[in-house]
């Protein structure tokens, strides 16, 4: 039990490094107990770290295919992070009142522009009281990388 608590088998990715005191054994990414060799999981962990560093605790992502949103939900369920994540489909069915309710609670709204995102739906989120960021990246890993970079740059 002591070894399980104090020994971490991780790859050399910064996002896979454990928090707190423990001995680290560097292993190949496939053997990493954090990411298991998955680029998507590694980038999700890095994104969560960026959220923590910048005090983002409530995020709304508008757009993305149903498959992308399902993958993000799965990553979110697997990692207890304290992040409140709201995923909104990009088709024009949201409505102004629901979009305004999303924005009142959000620290940041991301318009995922490289995916399924109807212009009429994205317009509902422009001019929000919280920051709104448009990301043109199509894939999940590209979007997560761009989002983490944006948070760390503070722009």
N, C-alpha and C. Protein backbone atom coordinates (compact mmCIF):
# COMPACT_ATOMS: atom_id res chain seq x y z
N UNK A 1 0.84 -1.19 0.00
CA UNK A 1 0.00 0.00 0.00
C UNK A 1 0.88 1.25 0.00
N UNK A 2 1.95 1.24 0.76
CA UNK A 2 2.86 2.38 0.81
C UNK A 2 3.48 2.64 -0.56
N UNK A 3 3.84 1.58 -1.27
CA UNK A 3 4.40 1.75 -2.60
C UNK A 3 3.38 2.35 -3.57
N UNK A 4 2.13 1.93 -3.47
CA UNK A 4 1.09 2.48 -4.33
C UNK A 4 0.90 3.97 -4.08
N UNK A 5 1.02 4.39 -2.85
CA UNK A 5 0.82 5.79 -2.50
C UNK A 5 2.04 6.66 -2.80
N UNK A 6 3.23 6.08 -2.78
CA UNK A 6 4.45 6.87 -2.87
C UNK A 6 5.30 6.61 -4.12
N UNK A 7 4.81 5.80 -5.05
CA UNK A 7 5.58 5.47 -6.23
C UNK A 7 4.71 5.71 -7.46
N UNK A 8 5.22 6.47 -8.42
CA UNK A 8 4.46 6.78 -9.63
C UNK A 8 5.22 6.29 -10.86
N UNK A 9 4.54 5.52 -11.70
CA UNK A 9 5.09 5.07 -12.97
C UNK A 9 4.49 5.97 -14.05
N UNK A 10 5.28 6.93 -14.52
CA UNK A 10 4.78 7.93 -15.47
C UNK A 10 5.76 8.13 -16.62
N UNK A 11 5.23 8.64 -17.75
CA UNK A 11 6.10 8.99 -18.87
C UNK A 11 6.72 10.35 -18.57
N UNK A 12 7.53 10.85 -19.48
CA UNK A 12 8.24 12.10 -19.20
C UNK A 12 7.43 13.35 -19.54
N UNK A 13 6.17 13.22 -19.89
CA UNK A 13 5.32 14.37 -20.18
C UNK A 13 5.08 15.17 -18.90
N UNK A 14 5.18 16.48 -18.99
CA UNK A 14 4.97 17.35 -17.82
C UNK A 14 3.58 17.18 -17.23
N UNK A 15 2.57 16.98 -18.09
CA UNK A 15 1.21 16.86 -17.59
C UNK A 15 0.96 15.54 -16.85
N UNK A 16 1.86 14.58 -16.99
CA UNK A 16 1.70 13.29 -16.31
C UNK A 16 2.45 13.24 -14.98
N UNK A 17 3.21 14.26 -14.67
CA UNK A 17 3.99 14.25 -13.43
C UNK A 17 3.06 14.38 -12.23
N UNK A 18 3.28 13.61 -11.20
CA UNK A 18 2.39 13.61 -10.04
C UNK A 18 2.53 14.88 -9.19
N UNK A 19 1.47 15.20 -8.52
CA UNK A 19 1.47 16.30 -7.56
C UNK A 19 1.86 15.74 -6.20
N UNK A 20 2.64 16.46 -5.48
CA UNK A 20 3.00 16.00 -4.14
C UNK A 20 4.23 15.11 -4.13
N UNK A 21 4.67 14.77 -2.92
CA UNK A 21 5.91 14.00 -2.79
C UNK A 21 5.70 12.52 -3.09
N UNK A 22 6.51 12.02 -4.01
CA UNK A 22 6.55 10.58 -4.27
C UNK A 22 7.74 10.29 -5.17
N UNK A 23 8.12 9.04 -5.21
CA UNK A 23 9.20 8.62 -6.09
C UNK A 23 8.62 8.40 -7.49
N UNK A 24 9.38 8.81 -8.50
CA UNK A 24 8.92 8.71 -9.87
C UNK A 24 9.79 7.72 -10.63
N UNK A 25 9.13 6.82 -11.34
CA UNK A 25 9.81 5.91 -12.24
C UNK A 25 9.36 6.27 -13.65
N UNK A 26 10.29 6.74 -14.49
CA UNK A 26 9.95 7.12 -15.86
C UNK A 26 9.81 5.84 -16.69
N UNK A 27 8.66 5.72 -17.36
CA UNK A 27 8.36 4.55 -18.18
C UNK A 27 7.95 5.03 -19.58
N UNK A 28 7.81 4.11 -20.51
CA UNK A 28 7.33 4.48 -21.84
C UNK A 28 5.89 4.97 -21.72
N UNK A 29 5.46 5.83 -22.64
CA UNK A 29 4.09 6.36 -22.56
C UNK A 29 3.01 5.28 -22.46
N UNK A 30 3.19 4.16 -23.13
CA UNK A 30 2.20 3.09 -23.08
C UNK A 30 2.04 2.53 -21.67
N UNK A 31 3.09 2.57 -20.86
CA UNK A 31 3.05 2.04 -19.49
C UNK A 31 2.71 3.11 -18.45
N UNK A 32 2.57 4.36 -18.90
CA UNK A 32 2.28 5.47 -17.98
C UNK A 32 0.92 5.27 -17.32
N UNK A 33 0.89 5.37 -15.99
CA UNK A 33 -0.36 5.16 -15.27
C UNK A 33 -1.30 6.37 -15.36
N UNK A 34 -0.82 7.47 -15.91
CA UNK A 34 -1.67 8.66 -16.07
C UNK A 34 -2.33 8.69 -17.44
N UNK A 35 -1.51 8.65 -18.50
CA UNK A 35 -2.06 8.81 -19.85
C UNK A 35 -2.19 7.50 -20.62
N UNK A 36 -1.47 6.47 -20.21
CA UNK A 36 -1.53 5.20 -20.91
C UNK A 36 -1.14 5.29 -22.37
N UNK A 37 -0.36 6.32 -22.72
CA UNK A 37 0.07 6.49 -24.09
C UNK A 37 -0.91 7.26 -24.96
N UNK A 38 -2.00 7.72 -24.40
CA UNK A 38 -3.02 8.44 -25.17
C UNK A 38 -2.68 9.92 -25.25
N UNK A 39 -2.46 10.42 -26.47
CA UNK A 39 -2.22 11.85 -26.66
C UNK A 39 -3.40 12.67 -26.16
N UNK A 40 -4.60 12.19 -26.44
CA UNK A 40 -5.78 12.94 -26.02
C UNK A 40 -5.86 13.04 -24.50
N UNK A 41 -5.61 11.95 -23.79
CA UNK A 41 -5.66 11.99 -22.32
C UNK A 41 -4.54 12.88 -21.77
N UNK A 42 -3.37 12.81 -22.39
CA UNK A 42 -2.24 13.64 -21.95
C UNK A 42 -2.58 15.13 -22.14
N UNK A 43 -3.15 15.45 -23.28
CA UNK A 43 -3.51 16.85 -23.53
C UNK A 43 -4.66 17.31 -22.65
N UNK A 44 -5.58 16.41 -22.33
CA UNK A 44 -6.66 16.74 -21.39
C UNK A 44 -6.07 17.08 -20.02
N UNK A 45 -5.13 16.26 -19.57
CA UNK A 45 -4.48 16.52 -18.27
C UNK A 45 -3.76 17.86 -18.29
N UNK A 46 -3.06 18.17 -19.38
CA UNK A 46 -2.37 19.45 -19.50
C UNK A 46 -3.36 20.60 -19.50
N UNK A 47 -4.48 20.45 -20.20
CA UNK A 47 -5.54 21.46 -20.20
C UNK A 47 -6.09 21.67 -18.79
N UNK A 48 -6.33 20.58 -18.05
CA UNK A 48 -6.82 20.71 -16.67
C UNK A 48 -5.81 21.45 -15.79
N UNK A 49 -4.55 21.16 -16.00
CA UNK A 49 -3.50 21.86 -15.26
C UNK A 49 -3.52 23.35 -15.57
N UNK A 50 -3.70 23.71 -16.83
CA UNK A 50 -3.79 25.12 -17.22
C UNK A 50 -5.01 25.78 -16.59
N UNK A 51 -6.13 25.06 -16.53
CA UNK A 51 -7.33 25.60 -15.87
C UNK A 51 -7.06 25.87 -14.40
N UNK A 52 -6.40 24.93 -13.75
CA UNK A 52 -6.08 25.08 -12.33
C UNK A 52 -5.15 26.26 -12.11
N UNK A 53 -4.12 26.38 -12.96
CA UNK A 53 -3.15 27.48 -12.84
C UNK A 53 -3.79 28.85 -13.03
N UNK A 54 -4.86 28.92 -13.82
CA UNK A 54 -5.49 30.20 -14.14
C UNK A 54 -6.85 30.38 -13.48
N UNK A 55 -7.18 29.50 -12.56
CA UNK A 55 -8.44 29.57 -11.79
C UNK A 55 -9.69 29.52 -12.65
N UNK A 56 -9.64 28.74 -13.72
CA UNK A 56 -10.84 28.49 -14.52
C UNK A 56 -11.53 27.28 -13.92
N UNK A 57 -12.74 27.48 -13.43
CA UNK A 57 -13.45 26.37 -12.80
C UNK A 57 -14.78 26.06 -13.48
N UNK A 58 -15.21 26.93 -14.39
CA UNK A 58 -16.49 26.73 -15.07
C UNK A 58 -16.30 27.10 -16.53
N UNK A 59 -16.40 26.12 -17.41
CA UNK A 59 -16.11 26.32 -18.83
C UNK A 59 -17.28 25.85 -19.67
N UNK A 60 -17.61 26.66 -20.70
CA UNK A 60 -18.64 26.29 -21.67
C UNK A 60 -17.95 26.16 -23.02
N UNK A 61 -18.12 25.02 -23.67
CA UNK A 61 -17.60 24.81 -25.03
C UNK A 61 -18.79 24.66 -25.96
N UNK A 62 -18.86 25.54 -26.96
CA UNK A 62 -19.96 25.53 -27.92
C UNK A 62 -19.43 24.98 -29.25
N UNK A 63 -20.04 23.92 -29.73
CA UNK A 63 -19.64 23.33 -31.00
C UNK A 63 -19.06 21.95 -30.78
N UNK A 64 -18.53 21.39 -31.86
CA UNK A 64 -17.98 20.05 -31.79
C UNK A 64 -19.00 19.04 -32.26
N UNK A 65 -18.53 18.02 -32.89
CA UNK A 65 -19.43 16.95 -33.34
C UNK A 65 -19.94 16.18 -32.13
N UNK A 66 -21.02 15.43 -32.30
CA UNK A 66 -21.49 14.60 -31.18
C UNK A 66 -20.40 13.67 -30.66
N UNK A 67 -19.59 13.11 -31.56
CA UNK A 67 -18.50 12.21 -31.15
C UNK A 67 -17.47 12.96 -30.32
N UNK A 68 -17.09 14.17 -30.75
CA UNK A 68 -16.12 14.97 -29.99
C UNK A 68 -16.65 15.30 -28.60
N UNK A 69 -17.93 15.70 -28.53
CA UNK A 69 -18.50 16.03 -27.23
C UNK A 69 -18.56 14.80 -26.32
N UNK A 70 -18.87 13.64 -26.90
CA UNK A 70 -18.88 12.40 -26.11
C UNK A 70 -17.48 12.08 -25.58
N UNK A 71 -16.45 12.27 -26.42
CA UNK A 71 -15.08 12.01 -25.97
C UNK A 71 -14.68 12.97 -24.86
N UNK A 72 -15.05 14.22 -24.97
CA UNK A 72 -14.74 15.18 -23.90
C UNK A 72 -15.47 14.83 -22.61
N UNK A 73 -16.73 14.42 -22.73
CA UNK A 73 -17.47 13.99 -21.53
C UNK A 73 -16.79 12.81 -20.85
N UNK A 74 -16.32 11.88 -21.66
CA UNK A 74 -15.65 10.69 -21.11
C UNK A 74 -14.37 11.10 -20.39
N UNK A 75 -13.56 11.94 -21.00
CA UNK A 75 -12.33 12.42 -20.35
C UNK A 75 -12.67 13.14 -19.05
N UNK A 76 -13.71 13.95 -19.08
CA UNK A 76 -14.12 14.72 -17.90
C UNK A 76 -14.57 13.80 -16.77
N UNK A 77 -15.31 12.74 -17.11
CA UNK A 77 -15.76 11.78 -16.09
C UNK A 77 -14.61 11.01 -15.48
N UNK A 78 -13.61 10.70 -16.29
CA UNK A 78 -12.48 9.88 -15.82
C UNK A 78 -11.56 10.64 -14.87
N UNK A 79 -11.58 11.95 -14.90
CA UNK A 79 -10.63 12.74 -14.13
C UNK A 79 -11.38 13.69 -13.20
N UNK A 80 -11.33 13.45 -11.91
CA UNK A 80 -11.97 14.35 -10.96
C UNK A 80 -11.10 15.59 -10.81
N UNK A 81 -11.58 16.69 -11.38
CA UNK A 81 -10.76 17.89 -11.43
C UNK A 81 -11.40 19.10 -10.76
N UNK A 82 -12.69 19.03 -10.51
CA UNK A 82 -13.38 20.20 -9.98
C UNK A 82 -13.86 21.14 -11.07
N UNK A 83 -13.49 20.87 -12.31
CA UNK A 83 -13.92 21.71 -13.43
C UNK A 83 -15.37 21.40 -13.77
N UNK A 84 -16.19 22.45 -13.86
CA UNK A 84 -17.55 22.30 -14.34
C UNK A 84 -17.49 22.53 -15.85
N UNK A 85 -17.85 21.53 -16.61
CA UNK A 85 -17.76 21.57 -18.06
C UNK A 85 -19.15 21.45 -18.66
N UNK A 86 -19.52 22.44 -19.45
CA UNK A 86 -20.81 22.40 -20.15
C UNK A 86 -20.49 22.33 -21.64
N UNK A 87 -20.99 21.30 -22.30
CA UNK A 87 -20.78 21.12 -23.73
C UNK A 87 -22.09 21.40 -24.45
N UNK A 88 -22.06 22.35 -25.38
CA UNK A 88 -23.26 22.81 -26.08
C UNK A 88 -23.12 22.47 -27.56
N UNK A 89 -24.11 21.80 -28.12
CA UNK A 89 -24.01 21.48 -29.54
C UNK A 89 -24.07 22.76 -30.35
N UNK A 90 -23.43 22.74 -31.49
CA UNK A 90 -23.28 23.94 -32.30
C UNK A 90 -24.42 24.22 -33.25
N UNK A 91 -25.40 23.35 -33.29
CA UNK A 91 -26.54 23.59 -34.17
C UNK A 91 -27.46 24.65 -33.56
N UNK A 92 -28.26 25.31 -34.39
CA UNK A 92 -29.02 26.48 -33.92
C UNK A 92 -30.27 26.13 -33.11
N UNK A 93 -30.09 25.50 -31.98
CA UNK A 93 -31.27 25.13 -31.18
C UNK A 93 -31.15 25.60 -29.73
N UNK A 94 -30.17 26.43 -29.43
CA UNK A 94 -29.90 26.79 -28.04
C UNK A 94 -30.90 27.79 -27.48
N UNK A 95 -31.11 28.87 -28.14
CA UNK A 95 -32.01 29.92 -27.65
C UNK A 95 -31.25 30.92 -26.79
N UNK A 96 -31.64 32.18 -26.90
CA UNK A 96 -30.94 33.28 -26.21
C UNK A 96 -30.94 33.10 -24.69
N UNK A 97 -32.08 32.75 -24.09
CA UNK A 97 -32.14 32.65 -22.62
C UNK A 97 -31.23 31.55 -22.09
N UNK A 98 -31.18 30.43 -22.78
CA UNK A 98 -30.30 29.34 -22.33
C UNK A 98 -28.83 29.73 -22.50
N UNK A 99 -28.51 30.41 -23.59
CA UNK A 99 -27.13 30.87 -23.80
C UNK A 99 -26.74 31.89 -22.73
N UNK A 100 -27.64 32.79 -22.38
CA UNK A 100 -27.36 33.77 -21.33
C UNK A 100 -27.14 33.09 -19.98
N UNK A 101 -27.90 32.05 -19.70
CA UNK A 101 -27.71 31.30 -18.45
C UNK A 101 -26.34 30.61 -18.45
N UNK A 102 -25.94 30.07 -19.60
CA UNK A 102 -24.60 29.47 -19.71
C UNK A 102 -23.53 30.49 -19.38
N UNK A 103 -23.66 31.69 -19.94
CA UNK A 103 -22.63 32.73 -19.79
C UNK A 103 -22.56 33.29 -18.37
N UNK A 104 -23.70 33.36 -17.70
CA UNK A 104 -23.70 33.88 -16.32
C UNK A 104 -22.85 33.01 -15.40
N UNK A 105 -22.80 31.72 -15.65
CA UNK A 105 -22.08 30.80 -14.79
C UNK A 105 -20.64 30.56 -15.23
N UNK A 106 -20.30 30.92 -16.47
CA UNK A 106 -19.01 30.54 -17.04
C UNK A 106 -17.89 31.52 -16.69
N UNK A 107 -16.69 30.95 -16.50
CA UNK A 107 -15.47 31.75 -16.42
C UNK A 107 -14.96 32.05 -17.83
N UNK A 108 -15.29 31.15 -18.77
CA UNK A 108 -14.83 31.27 -20.15
C UNK A 108 -15.79 30.49 -21.04
N UNK A 109 -16.09 31.09 -22.21
CA UNK A 109 -16.86 30.40 -23.25
C UNK A 109 -15.94 30.19 -24.43
N UNK A 110 -15.89 28.95 -24.93
CA UNK A 110 -15.08 28.62 -26.10
C UNK A 110 -16.02 28.31 -27.25
N UNK A 111 -15.84 29.04 -28.35
CA UNK A 111 -16.56 28.76 -29.59
C UNK A 111 -15.62 27.92 -30.44
N UNK A 112 -15.94 26.66 -30.58
CA UNK A 112 -15.08 25.69 -31.25
C UNK A 112 -15.34 25.78 -32.75
N UNK A 113 -14.70 26.76 -33.38
CA UNK A 113 -14.99 27.16 -34.75
C UNK A 113 -14.62 26.18 -35.84
N UNK A 114 -13.74 25.25 -35.61
CA UNK A 114 -13.34 24.31 -36.66
C UNK A 114 -14.25 23.10 -36.75
N UNK A 115 -15.36 23.12 -36.04
CA UNK A 115 -16.25 21.96 -35.99
C UNK A 115 -17.67 22.41 -36.32
N UNK A 116 -18.63 21.57 -36.03
CA UNK A 116 -20.03 21.90 -36.27
C UNK A 116 -20.41 23.06 -35.35
N UNK A 117 -20.54 24.25 -35.94
CA UNK A 117 -20.89 25.44 -35.17
C UNK A 117 -21.64 26.40 -36.07
N UNK A 118 -22.94 26.45 -35.91
CA UNK A 118 -23.79 27.32 -36.71
C UNK A 118 -23.58 28.77 -36.28
N UNK A 119 -23.49 29.65 -37.26
CA UNK A 119 -23.25 31.08 -36.99
C UNK A 119 -24.31 31.67 -36.06
N UNK A 120 -25.57 31.30 -36.26
CA UNK A 120 -26.64 31.87 -35.42
C UNK A 120 -26.48 31.43 -33.96
N UNK A 121 -25.95 30.24 -33.73
CA UNK A 121 -25.73 29.78 -32.37
C UNK A 121 -24.51 30.46 -31.74
N UNK A 122 -23.43 30.60 -32.50
CA UNK A 122 -22.23 31.25 -31.95
C UNK A 122 -22.50 32.72 -31.63
N UNK A 123 -23.36 33.37 -32.41
CA UNK A 123 -23.69 34.78 -32.16
C UNK A 123 -24.37 34.99 -30.81
N UNK A 124 -25.07 33.98 -30.32
CA UNK A 124 -25.72 34.08 -29.02
C UNK A 124 -24.71 34.30 -27.90
N UNK A 125 -23.47 33.86 -28.11
CA UNK A 125 -22.45 33.90 -27.07
C UNK A 125 -21.50 35.10 -27.21
N UNK A 126 -21.61 35.84 -28.27
CA UNK A 126 -20.73 37.00 -28.45
C UNK A 126 -21.23 38.14 -27.56
N UNK A 127 -20.30 38.92 -27.03
CA UNK A 127 -20.67 40.03 -26.16
C UNK A 127 -21.03 39.59 -24.75
N UNK A 128 -20.57 38.44 -24.35
CA UNK A 128 -20.84 37.93 -23.00
C UNK A 128 -20.07 38.73 -21.96
N UNK A 129 -20.51 38.66 -20.73
CA UNK A 129 -19.80 39.32 -19.64
C UNK A 129 -18.51 38.57 -19.30
N UNK A 130 -18.47 37.30 -19.61
CA UNK A 130 -17.25 36.52 -19.40
C UNK A 130 -16.46 36.51 -20.72
N UNK A 131 -15.19 36.16 -20.67
CA UNK A 131 -14.41 36.09 -21.91
C UNK A 131 -14.96 35.02 -22.86
N UNK A 132 -14.92 35.33 -24.15
CA UNK A 132 -15.33 34.40 -25.19
C UNK A 132 -14.15 34.22 -26.13
N UNK A 133 -13.77 32.98 -26.36
CA UNK A 133 -12.62 32.66 -27.18
C UNK A 133 -13.08 31.80 -28.35
N UNK A 134 -12.69 32.19 -29.56
CA UNK A 134 -12.98 31.38 -30.74
C UNK A 134 -11.72 30.61 -31.11
N UNK A 135 -11.84 29.30 -31.17
CA UNK A 135 -10.72 28.43 -31.55
C UNK A 135 -11.06 27.74 -32.86
N UNK A 136 -10.18 27.86 -33.86
CA UNK A 136 -10.47 27.29 -35.18
C UNK A 136 -10.04 25.84 -35.36
N UNK A 137 -9.56 25.19 -34.33
CA UNK A 137 -9.01 23.84 -34.46
C UNK A 137 -10.10 22.80 -34.56
N UNK A 138 -9.92 21.87 -35.50
CA UNK A 138 -10.93 20.85 -35.74
C UNK A 138 -10.86 19.72 -34.72
N UNK A 139 -9.72 19.16 -34.47
CA UNK A 139 -9.60 18.00 -33.59
C UNK A 139 -9.58 18.37 -32.12
N UNK A 140 -9.85 17.39 -31.29
CA UNK A 140 -9.87 17.59 -29.84
C UNK A 140 -8.48 17.97 -29.33
N UNK A 141 -7.46 17.24 -29.76
CA UNK A 141 -6.12 17.52 -29.24
C UNK A 141 -5.66 18.91 -29.63
N UNK A 142 -5.92 19.34 -30.86
CA UNK A 142 -5.55 20.69 -31.28
C UNK A 142 -6.30 21.75 -30.50
N UNK A 143 -7.58 21.51 -30.24
CA UNK A 143 -8.38 22.46 -29.47
C UNK A 143 -7.88 22.54 -28.03
N UNK A 144 -7.59 21.39 -27.42
CA UNK A 144 -7.11 21.39 -26.04
C UNK A 144 -5.75 22.08 -25.92
N UNK A 145 -4.86 21.82 -26.89
CA UNK A 145 -3.55 22.49 -26.89
C UNK A 145 -3.71 24.00 -27.01
N UNK A 146 -4.52 24.44 -27.95
CA UNK A 146 -4.72 25.87 -28.17
C UNK A 146 -5.36 26.52 -26.95
N UNK A 147 -6.30 25.84 -26.34
CA UNK A 147 -6.97 26.38 -25.16
C UNK A 147 -6.00 26.48 -23.98
N UNK A 148 -5.22 25.44 -23.75
CA UNK A 148 -4.22 25.48 -22.66
C UNK A 148 -3.21 26.60 -22.90
N UNK A 149 -2.73 26.73 -24.15
CA UNK A 149 -1.80 27.82 -24.49
C UNK A 149 -2.42 29.18 -24.24
N UNK A 150 -3.66 29.35 -24.65
CA UNK A 150 -4.36 30.62 -24.45
C UNK A 150 -4.47 30.95 -22.95
N UNK A 151 -4.84 29.97 -22.16
CA UNK A 151 -4.99 30.21 -20.73
C UNK A 151 -3.65 30.61 -20.10
N UNK A 152 -2.60 29.92 -20.48
CA UNK A 152 -1.29 30.22 -19.90
C UNK A 152 -0.74 31.57 -20.35
N UNK A 153 -1.09 31.99 -21.55
CA UNK A 153 -0.62 33.29 -22.05
C UNK A 153 -1.45 34.43 -21.49
N UNK A 154 -2.62 34.10 -20.99
CA UNK A 154 -3.48 35.12 -20.39
C UNK A 154 -4.05 36.09 -21.39
N UNK A 155 -4.11 35.68 -22.65
CA UNK A 155 -4.66 36.60 -23.66
C UNK A 155 -6.05 36.21 -24.08
